[in-house]
Amino acid sequence: MIITPLLIIVCLLVCASIFVNGWTDAPNAIATVVSTRVLSPKMAVSLAAVFNLLGVVFFGSAVAKTINELVKIGSGNDALIALAAAQLAIVIWAVSAWKYGIPTSESHALIAGLMGAAMAFKGYSAFNWGPVIKVVYGLLISTFVGFGLGIYLTKLIGFLFRKMKRRPANTFFSIGQIISASAMAFSHGAQDGSKFMGVFLSALIIGGVVDSSILNDIPLWIKVLCALVMALGTSVGGYKIIKTMGVDMVKLEKYQGFSAEVVASTCMLVATYGGIPLSTTNTKGTAMMGAGASRKFSDVNWNVAKEMIFAWILTFPACLLMGYFMTKLFLIIF
């Protein structure tokens, strides 16, 4: 076993991607609990950091397997160069979007970057279509199921608690939101932590450090490393994104925030169990739109929502192309 400088660089870039995910993606998980003023931004970020860590450490590895099997990039230095290019594409895209407070999906950036890097070697033949179809399922769940269930559950809760007075209702749903926000942060850690563990393990497998059987029983040290890096990123806080999601796009009542968090976290945990990669940003964003639109559609600022949706749509082709051309460039340089 020889740990080469290139392998170290790739592992560091994966850690940078995990950090950026915690910094720019995790704030989506806590946007509602901040916007409804149940928790302060600092308290919410601390809550997210803790439960992100728990989600990474204690949940399964099904999504890690899906990501690891998504593309065929071969072996040796060229494959490590492809992974490096894909990770750098994620970091550049995420930081650029964060600068303008635009919530983007690091999950889609990761998947698209890997697919672009793989295409630089083998074109479309690099894709394993089984895992790719799971990605398509994830897109459908995060977009349509999140929005639809957001409307339905919010209307149902509004109906069931219609006779409760406002003050006790707010107290009840404030407590409920702390629990649901914790579940949301946990599910983010379980989903996104597993995705990046899959890439980290791919690098170690390609580098010959571990055998591919490691995917069946991921070592605790890898889980803890990914969890701590993600928690560190979350602790930095993405307050611009919290403002965009929880203030500019839609202002929710406490029961609406609770509904959105329950819908999003449930979708993500079910998908994680089934090995389906799901975007935290998309799932939480559409659930919030649905919760806001449950009373009337005009409660959602659709101009902001359109900007976010455009960014989500742009993420896939942009990161795919960045992964493709960076891989070509890196192959020339190195």
C-alpha atoms as a PDB file:
ATOM      1  CA  MET A   1       0.000   0.000   0.000  1.00  0.00           C
ATOM      2  CA  ILE A   2       1.495   3.318  -1.124  1.00  0.00           C
ATOM      3  CA  ILE A   3      -0.242   6.584  -0.277  1.00  0.00           C
ATOM      4  CA  THR A   4       0.722   8.925  -3.114  1.00  0.00           C
ATOM      5  CA  PRO A   5       0.675  12.744  -3.083  1.00  0.00           C
ATOM      6  CA  LEU A   6      -2.132  12.652  -5.675  1.00  0.00           C
ATOM      7  CA  LEU A   7      -4.294  10.478  -3.422  1.00  0.00           C
ATOM      8  CA  ILE A   8      -3.706  12.881  -0.528  1.00  0.00           C
ATOM      9  CA  ILE A   9      -4.732  15.830  -2.734  1.00  0.00           C
ATOM     10  CA  VAL A  10      -7.918  14.040  -3.800  1.00  0.00           C
ATOM     11  CA  CYS A  11      -8.826  13.210  -0.192  1.00  0.00           C
ATOM     12  CA  LEU A  12      -8.231  16.836   0.825  1.00  0.00           C
ATOM     13  CA  LEU A  13     -10.467  18.032  -2.038  1.00  0.00           C
ATOM     14  CA  VAL A  14     -13.203  15.618  -0.936  1.00  0.00           C
ATOM     15  CA  CYS A  15     -12.925  17.048   2.574  1.00  0.00           C
ATOM     16  CA  ALA A  16     -13.172  20.561   1.073  1.00  0.00           C
ATOM     17  CA  SER A  17     -16.380  19.495  -0.690  1.00  0.00           C
ATOM     18  CA  ILE A  18     -17.779  18.106   2.565  1.00  0.00           C
ATOM     19  CA  PHE A  19     -16.887  21.334   4.361  1.00  0.00           C
ATOM     20  CA  VAL A  20     -18.583  23.438   1.672  1.00  0.00           C
ATOM     21  CA  ASN A  21     -21.635  21.176   1.840  1.00  0.00           C
ATOM     22  CA  GLY A  22     -21.927  21.768   5.576  1.00  0.00           C
ATOM     23  CA  TRP A  23     -21.359  25.482   5.035  1.00  0.00           C
ATOM     24  CA  THR A  24     -23.769  26.084   2.148  1.00  0.00           C
ATOM     25  CA  ASP A  25     -26.215  23.148   2.145  1.00  0.00           C
ATOM     26  CA  ALA A  26     -26.871  22.463   5.832  1.00  0.00           C
ATOM     27  CA  PRO A  27     -28.367  25.959   6.371  1.00  0.00           C
ATOM     28  CA  ASN A  28     -31.302  24.833   4.209  1.00  0.00           C
ATOM     29  CA  ALA A  29     -32.150  22.280   6.886  1.00  0.00           C
ATOM     30  CA  ILE A  30     -32.591  24.971   9.553  1.00  0.00           C
ATOM     31  CA  ALA A  31     -33.997  27.857   7.493  1.00  0.00           C
ATOM     32  CA  THR A  32     -37.569  27.384   8.737  1.00  0.00           C
ATOM     33  CA  VAL A  33     -36.742  27.146  12.440  1.00  0.00           C
ATOM     34  CA  VAL A  34     -34.893  30.465  12.101  1.00  0.00           C
ATOM     35  CA  SER A  35     -37.524  32.206   9.978  1.00  0.00           C
ATOM     36  CA  THR A  36     -40.288  31.322  12.455  1.00  0.00           C
ATOM     37  CA  ARG A  37     -38.082  32.691  15.275  1.00  0.00           C
ATOM     38  CA  VAL A  38     -38.164  29.461  17.251  1.00  0.00           C
ATOM     39  CA  LEU A  39     -34.357  29.471  17.437  1.00  0.00           C
ATOM     40  CA  SER A  40     -31.737  32.141  16.849  1.00  0.00           C
ATOM     41  CA  PRO A  41     -29.421  31.599  13.869  1.00  0.00           C
ATOM     42  CA  LYS A  42     -26.492  30.702  16.144  1.00  0.00           C
ATOM     43  CA  MET A  43     -28.530  28.183  18.136  1.00  0.00           C
ATOM     44  CA  ALA A  44     -29.967  26.681  14.943  1.00  0.00           C
ATOM     45  CA  VAL A  45     -26.517  26.321  13.375  1.00  0.00           C
ATOM     46  CA  SER A  46     -25.239  24.586  16.535  1.00  0.00           C
ATOM     47  CA  LEU A  47     -28.244  22.254  16.481  1.00  0.00           C
ATOM     48  CA  ALA A  48     -27.628  21.450  12.811  1.00  0.00           C
ATOM     49  CA  ALA A  49     -23.932  20.766  13.408  1.00  0.00           C
ATOM     50  CA  VAL A  50     -24.693  18.246  16.159  1.00  0.00           C
ATOM     51  CA  PHE A  51     -27.436  16.383  14.314  1.00  0.00           C
ATOM     52  CA  ASN A  52     -25.575  16.426  10.995  1.00  0.00           C
ATOM     53  CA  LEU A  53     -22.765  14.640  12.792  1.00  0.00           C
ATOM     54  CA  LEU A  54     -25.145  12.071  14.291  1.00  0.00           C
ATOM     55  CA  GLY A  55     -26.774  11.457  10.898  1.00  0.00           C
ATOM     56  CA  VAL A  56     -23.426  10.720   9.256  1.00  0.00           C
ATOM     57  CA  VAL A  57     -22.203   8.398  12.011  1.00  0.00           C
ATOM     58  CA  PHE A  58     -25.318   6.360  12.742  1.00  0.00           C
ATOM     59  CA  PHE A  59     -27.119   5.930   9.416  1.00  0.00           C
ATOM     60  CA  GLY A  60     -26.505   3.291   6.732  1.00  0.00           C
ATOM     61  CA  SER A  61     -24.270   3.260   3.687  1.00  0.00           C
ATOM     62  CA  ALA A  62     -26.802   2.596   0.878  1.00  0.00           C
ATOM     63  CA  VAL A  63     -26.368   6.060  -0.687  1.00  0.00           C
ATOM     64  CA  ALA A  64     -22.569   5.745  -0.436  1.00  0.00           C
ATOM     65  CA  LYS A  65     -22.809   2.570  -2.549  1.00  0.00           C
ATOM     66  CA  THR A  66     -24.987   4.330  -5.133  1.00  0.00           C
ATOM     67  CA  ILE A  67     -22.510   7.202  -5.489  1.00  0.00           C
ATOM     68  CA  ASN A  68     -19.538   4.832  -5.603  1.00  0.00           C
ATOM     69  CA  GLU A  69     -21.191   2.839  -8.412  1.00  0.00           C
ATOM     70  CA  LEU A  70     -22.557   5.837 -10.348  1.00  0.00           C
ATOM     71  CA  VAL A  71     -19.783   6.005 -12.937  1.00  0.00           C
ATOM     72  CA  LYS A  72     -16.876   3.915 -14.191  1.00  0.00           C
ATOM     73  CA  ILE A  73     -13.712   6.006 -14.125  1.00  0.00           C
ATOM     74  CA  GLY A  74     -11.212   3.178 -14.215  1.00  0.00           C
ATOM     75  CA  SER A  75      -8.172   2.989 -11.961  1.00  0.00           C
ATOM     76  CA  GLY A  76      -4.788   4.559 -11.410  1.00  0.00           C
ATOM     77  CA  ASN A  77      -3.739   8.203 -11.542  1.00  0.00           C
ATOM     78  CA  ASP A  78      -6.149   9.168 -14.317  1.00  0.00           C
ATOM     79  CA  ALA A  79      -9.131   8.079 -12.206  1.00  0.00           C
ATOM     80  CA  LEU A  80      -7.817  10.033  -9.203  1.00  0.00           C
ATOM     81  CA  ILE A  81      -7.379  13.093 -11.443  1.00  0.00           C
ATOM     82  CA  ALA A  82     -11.035  12.747 -12.493  1.00  0.00           C
ATOM     83  CA  LEU A  83     -12.147  12.663  -8.860  1.00  0.00           C
ATOM     84  CA  ALA A  84     -10.017  15.716  -8.081  1.00  0.00           C
ATOM     85  CA  ALA A  85     -11.550  17.641 -10.988  1.00  0.00           C
ATOM     86  CA  ALA A  86     -15.092  16.739  -9.914  1.00  0.00           C
ATOM     87  CA  GLN A  87     -14.501  17.875  -6.331  1.00  0.00           C
ATOM     88  CA  LEU A  88     -12.934  21.153  -7.411  1.00  0.00           C
ATOM     89  CA  ALA A  89     -15.945  21.829  -9.633  1.00  0.00           C
ATOM     90  CA  ILE A  90     -18.254  21.395  -6.620  1.00  0.00           C
ATOM     91  CA  VAL A  91     -16.259  23.793  -4.444  1.00  0.00           C
ATOM     92  CA  ILE A  92     -16.086  26.499  -7.136  1.00  0.00           C
ATOM     93  CA  TRP A  93     -19.805  26.237  -7.936  1.00  0.00           C
ATOM     94  CA  ALA A  94     -20.981  26.182  -4.312  1.00  0.00           C
ATOM     95  CA  VAL A  95     -18.826  29.090  -3.152  1.00  0.00           C
ATOM     96  CA  SER A  96     -19.831  31.188  -6.181  1.00  0.00           C
ATOM     97  CA  ALA A  97     -23.527  30.604  -5.438  1.00  0.00           C
ATOM     98  CA  TRP A  98     -23.059  31.252  -1.697  1.00  0.00           C
ATOM     99  CA  LYS A  99     -21.540  34.653  -2.468  1.00  0.00           C
ATOM    100  CA  TYR A 100     -24.922  35.723  -3.828  1.00  0.00           C
ATOM    101  CA  GLY A 101     -26.966  33.874  -1.207  1.00  0.00           C
ATOM    102  CA  ILE A 102     -28.347  31.413  -3.772  1.00  0.00           C
ATOM    103  CA  PRO A 103     -29.195  27.978  -2.342  1.00  0.00           C
ATOM    104  CA  THR A 104     -27.728  25.354  -4.664  1.00  0.00           C
ATOM    105  CA  SER A 105     -27.697  21.593  -4.422  1.00  0.00           C
ATOM    106  CA  GLU A 106     -24.253  20.252  -3.595  1.00  0.00           C
ATOM    107  CA  SER A 107     -25.734  16.779  -4.114  1.00  0.00           C
ATOM    108  CA  HIS A 108     -26.518  17.587  -7.746  1.00  0.00           C
ATOM    109  CA  ALA A 109     -23.168  19.347  -8.096  1.00  0.00           C
ATOM    110  CA  LEU A 110     -21.412  16.212  -6.811  1.00  0.00           C
ATOM    111  CA  ILE A 111     -23.327  13.851  -9.096  1.00  0.00           C
ATOM    112  CA  ALA A 112     -22.970  16.092 -12.154  1.00  0.00           C
ATOM    113  CA  GLY A 113     -19.275  16.698 -11.490  1.00  0.00           C
ATOM    114  CA  LEU A 114     -18.617  12.950 -11.265  1.00  0.00           C
ATOM    115  CA  MET A 115     -20.604  12.282 -14.436  1.00  0.00           C
ATOM    116  CA  GLY A 116     -18.742  15.028 -16.324  1.00  0.00           C
ATOM    117  CA  ALA A 117     -15.370  13.728 -15.150  1.00  0.00           C
ATOM    118  CA  ALA A 118     -16.296  10.188 -16.193  1.00  0.00           C
ATOM    119  CA  MET A 119     -17.468  11.403 -19.619  1.00  0.00           C
ATOM    120  CA  ALA A 120     -14.032  12.918 -20.176  1.00  0.00           C
ATOM    121  CA  PHE A 121     -12.713   9.336 -20.267  1.00  0.00           C
ATOM    122  CA  LYS A 122     -15.412   7.116 -21.741  1.00  0.00           C
ATOM    123  CA  GLY A 123     -18.349   9.271 -22.813  1.00  0.00           C
ATOM    124  CA  TYR A 124     -21.798   7.947 -21.931  1.00  0.00           C
ATOM    125  CA  SER A 125     -20.449   4.405 -21.592  1.00  0.00           C
ATOM    126  CA  ALA A 126     -18.951   5.518 -18.265  1.00  0.00           C
ATOM    127  CA  PHE A 127     -22.421   5.674 -16.691  1.00  0.00           C
ATOM    128  CA  ASN A 128     -23.884   2.838 -14.659  1.00  0.00           C
ATOM    129  CA  TRP A 129     -27.538   3.318 -15.522  1.00  0.00           C
ATOM    130  CA  GLY A 130     -28.980   1.635 -12.428  1.00  0.00           C
ATOM    131  CA  PRO A 131     -27.545   4.269 -10.044  1.00  0.00           C
ATOM    132  CA  VAL A 132     -28.275   7.018 -12.617  1.00  0.00           C
ATOM    133  CA  ILE A 133     -31.980   6.033 -12.572  1.00  0.00           C
ATOM    134  CA  LYS A 134     -31.913   6.337  -8.767  1.00  0.00           C
ATOM    135  CA  VAL A 135     -30.677   9.906  -9.239  1.00  0.00           C
ATOM    136  CA  VAL A 136     -33.681  10.582 -11.512  1.00  0.00           C
ATOM    137  CA  TYR A 137     -36.004   9.150  -8.846  1.00  0.00           C
ATOM    138  CA  GLY A 138     -34.383  11.516  -6.356  1.00  0.00           C
ATOM    139  CA  LEU A 139     -35.075  14.499  -8.616  1.00  0.00           C
ATOM    140  CA  LEU A 140     -38.745  13.553  -8.879  1.00  0.00           C
ATOM    141  CA  ILE A 141     -39.116  12.975  -5.136  1.00  0.00           C
ATOM    142  CA  SER A 142     -37.389  16.202  -4.127  1.00  0.00           C
ATOM    143  CA  THR A 143     -39.313  18.321  -6.638  1.00  0.00           C
ATOM    144  CA  PHE A 144     -42.849  16.986  -6.827  1.00  0.00           C
ATOM    145  CA  VAL A 145     -43.322  14.849  -3.721  1.00  0.00           C
ATOM    146  CA  GLY A 146     -41.804  17.530  -1.480  1.00  0.00           C
ATOM    147  CA  PHE A 147     -44.117  20.226  -2.847  1.00  0.00           C
ATOM    148  CA  GLY A 148     -47.250  18.066  -2.910  1.00  0.00           C
ATOM    149  CA  LEU A 149     -46.817  16.636   0.583  1.00  0.00           C
ATOM    150  CA  GLY A 150     -45.884  20.105   1.859  1.00  0.00           C
ATOM    151  CA  ILE A 151     -49.295  21.402   0.788  1.00  0.00           C
ATOM    152  CA  TYR A 152     -51.204  18.320   1.957  1.00  0.00           C
ATOM    153  CA  LEU A 153     -49.641  17.948   5.421  1.00  0.00           C
ATOM    154  CA  THR A 154     -49.873  21.676   6.163  1.00  0.00           C
ATOM    155  CA  LYS A 155     -53.561  21.723   5.249  1.00  0.00           C
ATOM    156  CA  LEU A 156     -54.151  18.595   7.345  1.00  0.00           C
ATOM    157  CA  ILE A 157     -52.403  20.035  10.407  1.00  0.00           C
ATOM    158  CA  GLY A 158     -54.265  23.324   9.973  1.00  0.00           C
ATOM    159  CA  PHE A 159     -57.545  21.411   9.933  1.00  0.00           C
ATOM    160  CA  LEU A 160     -56.740  19.178  12.915  1.00  0.00           C
ATOM    161  CA  PHE A 161     -55.604  22.100  15.107  1.00  0.00           C
ATOM    162  CA  ARG A 162     -58.135  24.668  13.869  1.00  0.00           C
ATOM    163  CA  LYS A 163     -59.856  24.934  17.268  1.00  0.00           C
ATOM    164  CA  MET A 164     -56.651  25.417  19.279  1.00  0.00           C
ATOM    165  CA  LYS A 165     -56.001  28.975  20.454  1.00  0.00           C
ATOM    166  CA  ARG A 166     -53.076  30.770  18.866  1.00  0.00           C
ATOM    167  CA  ARG A 167     -50.779  31.057  21.916  1.00  0.00           C
ATOM    168  CA  PRO A 168     -50.843  27.385  22.981  1.00  0.00           C
ATOM    169  CA  ALA A 169     -50.642  26.374  19.307  1.00  0.00           C
ATOM    170  CA  ASN A 170     -47.502  28.464  18.833  1.00  0.00           C
ATOM    171  CA  THR A 171     -45.970  26.943  21.979  1.00  0.00           C
ATOM    172  CA  PHE A 172     -46.802  23.439  20.812  1.00  0.00           C
ATOM    173  CA  PHE A 173     -45.397  23.916  17.328  1.00  0.00           C
ATOM    174  CA  SER A 174     -42.320  25.744  18.624  1.00  0.00           C
ATOM    175  CA  ILE A 175     -41.389  22.592  20.539  1.00  0.00           C
ATOM    176  CA  GLY A 176     -42.384  20.532  17.520  1.00  0.00           C
ATOM    177  CA  GLN A 177     -40.123  22.601  15.281  1.00  0.00           C
ATOM    178  CA  ILE A 178     -37.082  22.016  17.469  1.00  0.00           C
ATOM    179  CA  ILE A 179     -37.708  18.277  17.104  1.00  0.00           C
ATOM    180  CA  SER A 180     -38.473  18.442  13.362  1.00  0.00           C
ATOM    181  CA  ALA A 181     -35.473  20.713  12.691  1.00  0.00           C
ATOM    182  CA  SER A 182     -33.271  18.198  14.503  1.00  0.00           C
ATOM    183  CA  ALA A 183     -34.724  15.437  12.305  1.00  0.00           C
ATOM    184  CA  MET A 184     -34.075  17.596   9.238  1.00  0.00           C
ATOM    185  CA  ALA A 185     -30.435  18.137  10.190  1.00  0.00           C
ATOM    186  CA  PHE A 186     -30.040  14.432  11.001  1.00  0.00           C
ATOM    187  CA  SER A 187     -31.462  13.433   7.609  1.00  0.00           C
ATOM    188  CA  HIS A 188     -29.135  15.916   5.877  1.00  0.00           C
ATOM    189  CA  GLY A 189     -26.154  14.328   7.569  1.00  0.00           C
ATOM    190  CA  ALA A 190     -27.404  10.840   6.694  1.00  0.00           C
ATOM    191  CA  GLN A 191     -27.938  11.755   3.020  1.00  0.00           C
ATOM    192  CA  ASP A 192     -25.101  14.096   2.179  1.00  0.00           C
ATOM    193  CA  GLY A 193     -22.591  12.543   4.542  1.00  0.00           C
ATOM    194  CA  SER A 194     -23.212   9.195   2.880  1.00  0.00           C
ATOM    195  CA  LYS A 195     -22.774  10.705  -0.618  1.00  0.00           C
ATOM    196  CA  PHE A 196     -19.389  12.185   0.175  1.00  0.00           C
ATOM    197  CA  MET A 197     -18.301   9.072   2.043  1.00  0.00           C
ATOM    198  CA  GLY A 198     -18.954   7.249  -1.222  1.00  0.00           C
ATOM    199  CA  VAL A 199     -16.538   9.564  -3.064  1.00  0.00           C
ATOM    200  CA  PHE A 200     -13.952   9.377  -0.270  1.00  0.00           C
ATOM    201  CA  LEU A 201     -14.100   5.589  -0.398  1.00  0.00           C
ATOM    202  CA  SER A 202     -13.828   5.642  -4.206  1.00  0.00           C
ATOM    203  CA  ALA A 203     -10.545   7.534  -3.857  1.00  0.00           C
ATOM    204  CA  LEU A 204      -9.214   5.041  -1.298  1.00  0.00           C
ATOM    205  CA  ILE A 205     -10.299   2.064  -3.431  1.00  0.00           C
ATOM    206  CA  ILE A 206      -8.753   3.517  -6.623  1.00  0.00           C
ATOM    207  CA  GLY A 207      -5.590   4.346  -4.694  1.00  0.00           C
ATOM    208  CA  GLY A 208      -5.343   0.740  -3.537  1.00  0.00           C
ATOM    209  CA  VAL A 209      -5.529   1.686   0.137  1.00  0.00           C
ATOM    210  CA  VAL A 210      -8.680  -0.375   0.830  1.00  0.00           C
ATOM    211  CA  ASP A 211     -10.692  -3.099  -0.884  1.00  0.00           C
ATOM    212  CA  SER A 212     -14.128  -2.411  -2.437  1.00  0.00           C
ATOM    213  CA  SER A 213     -15.712  -4.678   0.192  1.00  0.00           C
ATOM    214  CA  ILE A 214     -15.304  -1.771   2.596  1.00  0.00           C
ATOM    215  CA  LEU A 215     -18.580  -0.366   1.215  1.00  0.00           C
ATOM    216  CA  ASN A 216     -20.455  -3.089   3.095  1.00  0.00           C
ATOM    217  CA  ASP A 217     -19.027  -2.000   6.427  1.00  0.00           C
ATOM    218  CA  ILE A 218     -17.684   1.556   6.358  1.00  0.00           C
ATOM    219  CA  PRO A 219     -15.080   2.050   9.123  1.00  0.00           C
ATOM    220  CA  LEU A 220     -16.042   4.320  11.968  1.00  0.00           C
ATOM    221  CA  TRP A 221     -13.017   6.577  11.418  1.00  0.00           C
ATOM    222  CA  ILE A 222     -14.232   7.502   7.926  1.00  0.00           C
ATOM    223  CA  LYS A 223     -17.738   8.266   9.224  1.00  0.00           C
ATOM    224  CA  VAL A 224     -16.346  10.395  12.059  1.00  0.00           C
ATOM    225  CA  LEU A 225     -13.967  12.258   9.726  1.00  0.00           C
ATOM    226  CA  CYS A 226     -16.767  13.122   7.273  1.00  0.00           C
ATOM    227  CA  ALA A 227     -19.107  14.032  10.141  1.00  0.00           C
ATOM    228  CA  LEU A 228     -16.616  16.348  11.826  1.00  0.00           C
ATOM    229  CA  VAL A 229     -15.690  18.140   8.582  1.00  0.00           C
ATOM    230  CA  MET A 230     -19.390  18.624   7.751  1.00  0.00           C
ATOM    231  CA  ALA A 231     -20.127  19.820  11.296  1.00  0.00           C
ATOM    232  CA  LEU A 232     -17.231  22.281  11.043  1.00  0.00           C
ATOM    233  CA  GLY A 233     -18.644  23.645   7.794  1.00  0.00           C
ATOM    234  CA  THR A 234     -22.106  23.948   9.328  1.00  0.00           C
ATOM    235  CA  SER A 235     -20.733  25.798  12.350  1.00  0.00           C
ATOM    236  CA  VAL A 236     -19.371  28.490  10.026  1.00  0.00           C
ATOM    237  CA  GLY A 237     -22.990  29.172   9.117  1.00  0.00           C
ATOM    238  CA  GLY A 238     -24.629  30.073   5.857  1.00  0.00           C
ATOM    239  CA  TYR A 239     -26.726  33.000   7.032  1.00  0.00           C
ATOM    240  CA  LYS A 240     -27.215  34.417   3.529  1.00  0.00           C
ATOM    241  CA  ILE A 241     -28.868  31.187   2.461  1.00  0.00           C
ATOM    242  CA  ILE A 242     -31.020  31.027   5.597  1.00  0.00           C
ATOM    243  CA  LYS A 243     -32.281  34.530   4.769  1.00  0.00           C
ATOM    244  CA  THR A 244     -33.049  33.612   1.152  1.00  0.00           C
ATOM    245  CA  MET A 245     -34.912  30.417   2.064  1.00  0.00           C
ATOM    246  CA  GLY A 246     -36.641  31.439   5.273  1.00  0.00           C
ATOM    247  CA  VAL A 247     -37.312  35.146   4.779  1.00  0.00           C
ATOM    248  CA  ASP A 248     -37.151  36.226   1.154  1.00  0.00           C
ATOM    249  CA  MET A 249     -38.833  33.203  -0.449  1.00  0.00           C
ATOM    250  CA  VAL A 250     -41.618  32.521   2.035  1.00  0.00           C
ATOM    251  CA  LYS A 251     -42.544  33.569   5.561  1.00  0.00           C
ATOM    252  CA  LEU A 252     -44.049  30.627   7.415  1.00  0.00           C
ATOM    253  CA  GLU A 253     -46.139  30.272  10.539  1.00  0.00           C
ATOM    254  CA  LYS A 254     -44.777  27.838  13.110  1.00  0.00           C
ATOM    255  CA  TYR A 255     -47.158  25.049  12.121  1.00  0.00           C
ATOM    256  CA  GLN A 256     -46.186  25.525   8.470  1.00  0.00           C
ATOM    257  CA  GLY A 257     -42.489  25.360   9.333  1.00  0.00           C
ATOM    258  CA  PHE A 258     -43.120  22.177  11.300  1.00  0.00           C
ATOM    259  CA  SER A 259     -44.980  20.642   8.361  1.00  0.00           C
ATOM    260  CA  ALA A 260     -42.238  21.505   5.875  1.00  0.00           C
ATOM    261  CA  GLU A 261     -39.553  19.993   8.116  1.00  0.00           C
ATOM    262  CA  VAL A 262     -41.529  16.798   8.728  1.00  0.00           C
ATOM    263  CA  VAL A 263     -42.158  16.325   4.991  1.00  0.00           C
ATOM    264  CA  ALA A 264     -38.572  17.030   3.945  1.00  0.00           C
ATOM    265  CA  SER A 265     -36.892  14.947   6.657  1.00  0.00           C
ATOM    266  CA  THR A 266     -39.249  11.993   6.066  1.00  0.00           C
ATOM    267  CA  CYS A 267     -38.621  12.039   2.305  1.00  0.00           C
ATOM    268  CA  MET A 268     -34.880  12.189   2.862  1.00  0.00           C
ATOM    269  CA  LEU A 269     -34.706   9.400   5.427  1.00  0.00           C
ATOM    270  CA  VAL A 270     -36.870   7.055   3.331  1.00  0.00           C
ATOM    271  CA  ALA A 271     -34.769   7.829   0.247  1.00  0.00           C
ATOM    272  CA  THR A 272     -31.541   7.336   2.202  1.00  0.00           C
ATOM    273  CA  TYR A 273     -32.709   3.914   3.358  1.00  0.00           C
ATOM    274  CA  GLY A 274     -33.399   2.984  -0.270  1.00  0.00           C
ATOM    275  CA  GLY A 275     -30.030   4.246  -1.509  1.00  0.00           C
ATOM    276  CA  ILE A 276     -31.617   7.086  -3.506  1.00  0.00           C
ATOM    277  CA  PRO A 277     -29.511  10.289  -3.614  1.00  0.00           C
ATOM    278  CA  LEU A 278     -31.732  13.214  -2.685  1.00  0.00           C
ATOM    279  CA  SER A 279     -31.003  16.936  -2.640  1.00  0.00           C
ATOM    280  CA  THR A 280     -31.504  18.609   0.754  1.00  0.00           C
ATOM    281  CA  THR A 281     -31.887  21.993  -0.910  1.00  0.00           C
ATOM    282  CA  ASN A 282     -34.516  20.859  -3.389  1.00  0.00           C
ATOM    283  CA  THR A 283     -36.473  18.730  -0.945  1.00  0.00           C
ATOM    284  CA  LYS A 284     -36.572  21.335   1.803  1.00  0.00           C
ATOM    285  CA  GLY A 285     -37.148  24.193  -0.644  1.00  0.00           C
ATOM    286  CA  THR A 286     -40.136  22.583  -2.371  1.00  0.00           C
ATOM    287  CA  ALA A 287     -41.603  21.466   0.973  1.00  0.00           C
ATOM    288  CA  MET A 288     -41.386  25.081   2.186  1.00  0.00           C
ATOM    289  CA  MET A 289     -43.023  26.308  -1.019  1.00  0.00           C
ATOM    290  CA  GLY A 290     -45.812  23.781  -0.542  1.00  0.00           C
ATOM    291  CA  ALA A 291     -46.306  24.734   3.111  1.00  0.00           C
ATOM    292  CA  GLY A 292     -46.419  28.419   2.190  1.00  0.00           C
ATOM    293  CA  ALA A 293     -48.823  27.847  -0.707  1.00  0.00           C
ATOM    294  CA  SER A 294     -51.184  25.768   1.446  1.00  0.00           C
ATOM    295  CA  ARG A 295     -53.166  28.884   2.364  1.00  0.00           C
ATOM    296  CA  LYS A 296     -52.722  30.826  -0.852  1.00  0.00           C
ATOM    297  CA  PHE A 297     -50.128  30.759  -3.592  1.00  0.00           C
ATOM    298  CA  SER A 298     -49.369  34.447  -3.212  1.00  0.00           C
ATOM    299  CA  ASP A 299     -47.824  33.747   0.229  1.00  0.00           C
ATOM    300  CA  VAL A 300     -44.763  32.479  -1.661  1.00  0.00           C
ATOM    301  CA  ASN A 301     -42.480  35.007  -3.328  1.00  0.00           C
ATOM    302  CA  TRP A 302     -42.400  33.244  -6.671  1.00  0.00           C
ATOM    303  CA  ASN A 303     -39.784  35.614  -8.075  1.00  0.00           C
ATOM    304  CA  VAL A 304     -37.291  34.387  -5.475  1.00  0.00           C
ATOM    305  CA  ALA A 305     -38.536  30.824  -5.932  1.00  0.00           C
ATOM    306  CA  LYS A 306     -37.972  31.074  -9.700  1.00  0.00           C
ATOM    307  CA  GLU A 307     -34.400  32.272  -9.152  1.00  0.00           C
ATOM    308  CA  MET A 308     -33.758  29.304  -6.871  1.00  0.00           C
ATOM    309  CA  ILE A 309     -35.337  26.828  -9.280  1.00  0.00           C
ATOM    310  CA  PHE A 310     -33.264  28.283 -12.125  1.00  0.00           C
ATOM    311  CA  ALA A 311     -30.105  27.807 -10.025  1.00  0.00           C
ATOM    312  CA  TRP A 312     -31.115  24.195  -9.309  1.00  0.00           C
ATOM    313  CA  ILE A 313     -31.679  23.529 -13.017  1.00  0.00           C
ATOM    314  CA  LEU A 314     -28.400  25.225 -13.960  1.00  0.00           C
ATOM    315  CA  THR A 315     -26.379  23.268 -11.384  1.00  0.00           C
ATOM    316  CA  PHE A 316     -26.490  19.976 -13.276  1.00  0.00           C
ATOM    317  CA  PRO A 317     -25.251  21.087 -16.712  1.00  0.00           C
ATOM    318  CA  ALA A 318     -22.823  23.645 -15.235  1.00  0.00           C
ATOM    319  CA  CYS A 319     -21.100  21.175 -12.901  1.00  0.00           C
ATOM    320  CA  LEU A 320     -21.152  18.421 -15.531  1.00  0.00           C
ATOM    321  CA  LEU A 321     -19.319  20.683 -17.967  1.00  0.00           C
ATOM    322  CA  MET A 322     -16.927  21.913 -15.272  1.00  0.00           C
ATOM    323  CA  GLY A 323     -16.127  18.336 -14.277  1.00  0.00           C
ATOM    324  CA  TYR A 324     -15.588  17.388 -17.926  1.00  0.00           C
ATOM    325  CA  PHE A 325     -13.306  20.267 -18.899  1.00  0.00           C
ATOM    326  CA  MET A 326     -11.373  20.315 -15.604  1.00  0.00           C
ATOM    327  CA  THR A 327     -10.641  16.618 -16.066  1.00  0.00           C
ATOM    328  CA  LYS A 328      -9.359  17.256 -19.599  1.00  0.00           C
ATOM    329  CA  LEU A 329      -7.242  20.151 -18.303  1.00  0.00           C
ATOM    330  CA  PHE A 330      -5.850  18.185 -15.346  1.00  0.00           C
ATOM    331  CA  LEU A 331      -4.912  15.299 -17.610  1.00  0.00           C
ATOM    332  CA  ILE A 332      -2.863  17.694 -19.741  1.00  0.00           C
ATOM    333  CA  ILE A 333      -1.207  19.364 -16.727  1.00  0.00           C
ATOM    334  CA  PHE A 334      -0.480  16.234 -14.735  1.00  0.00           C
END
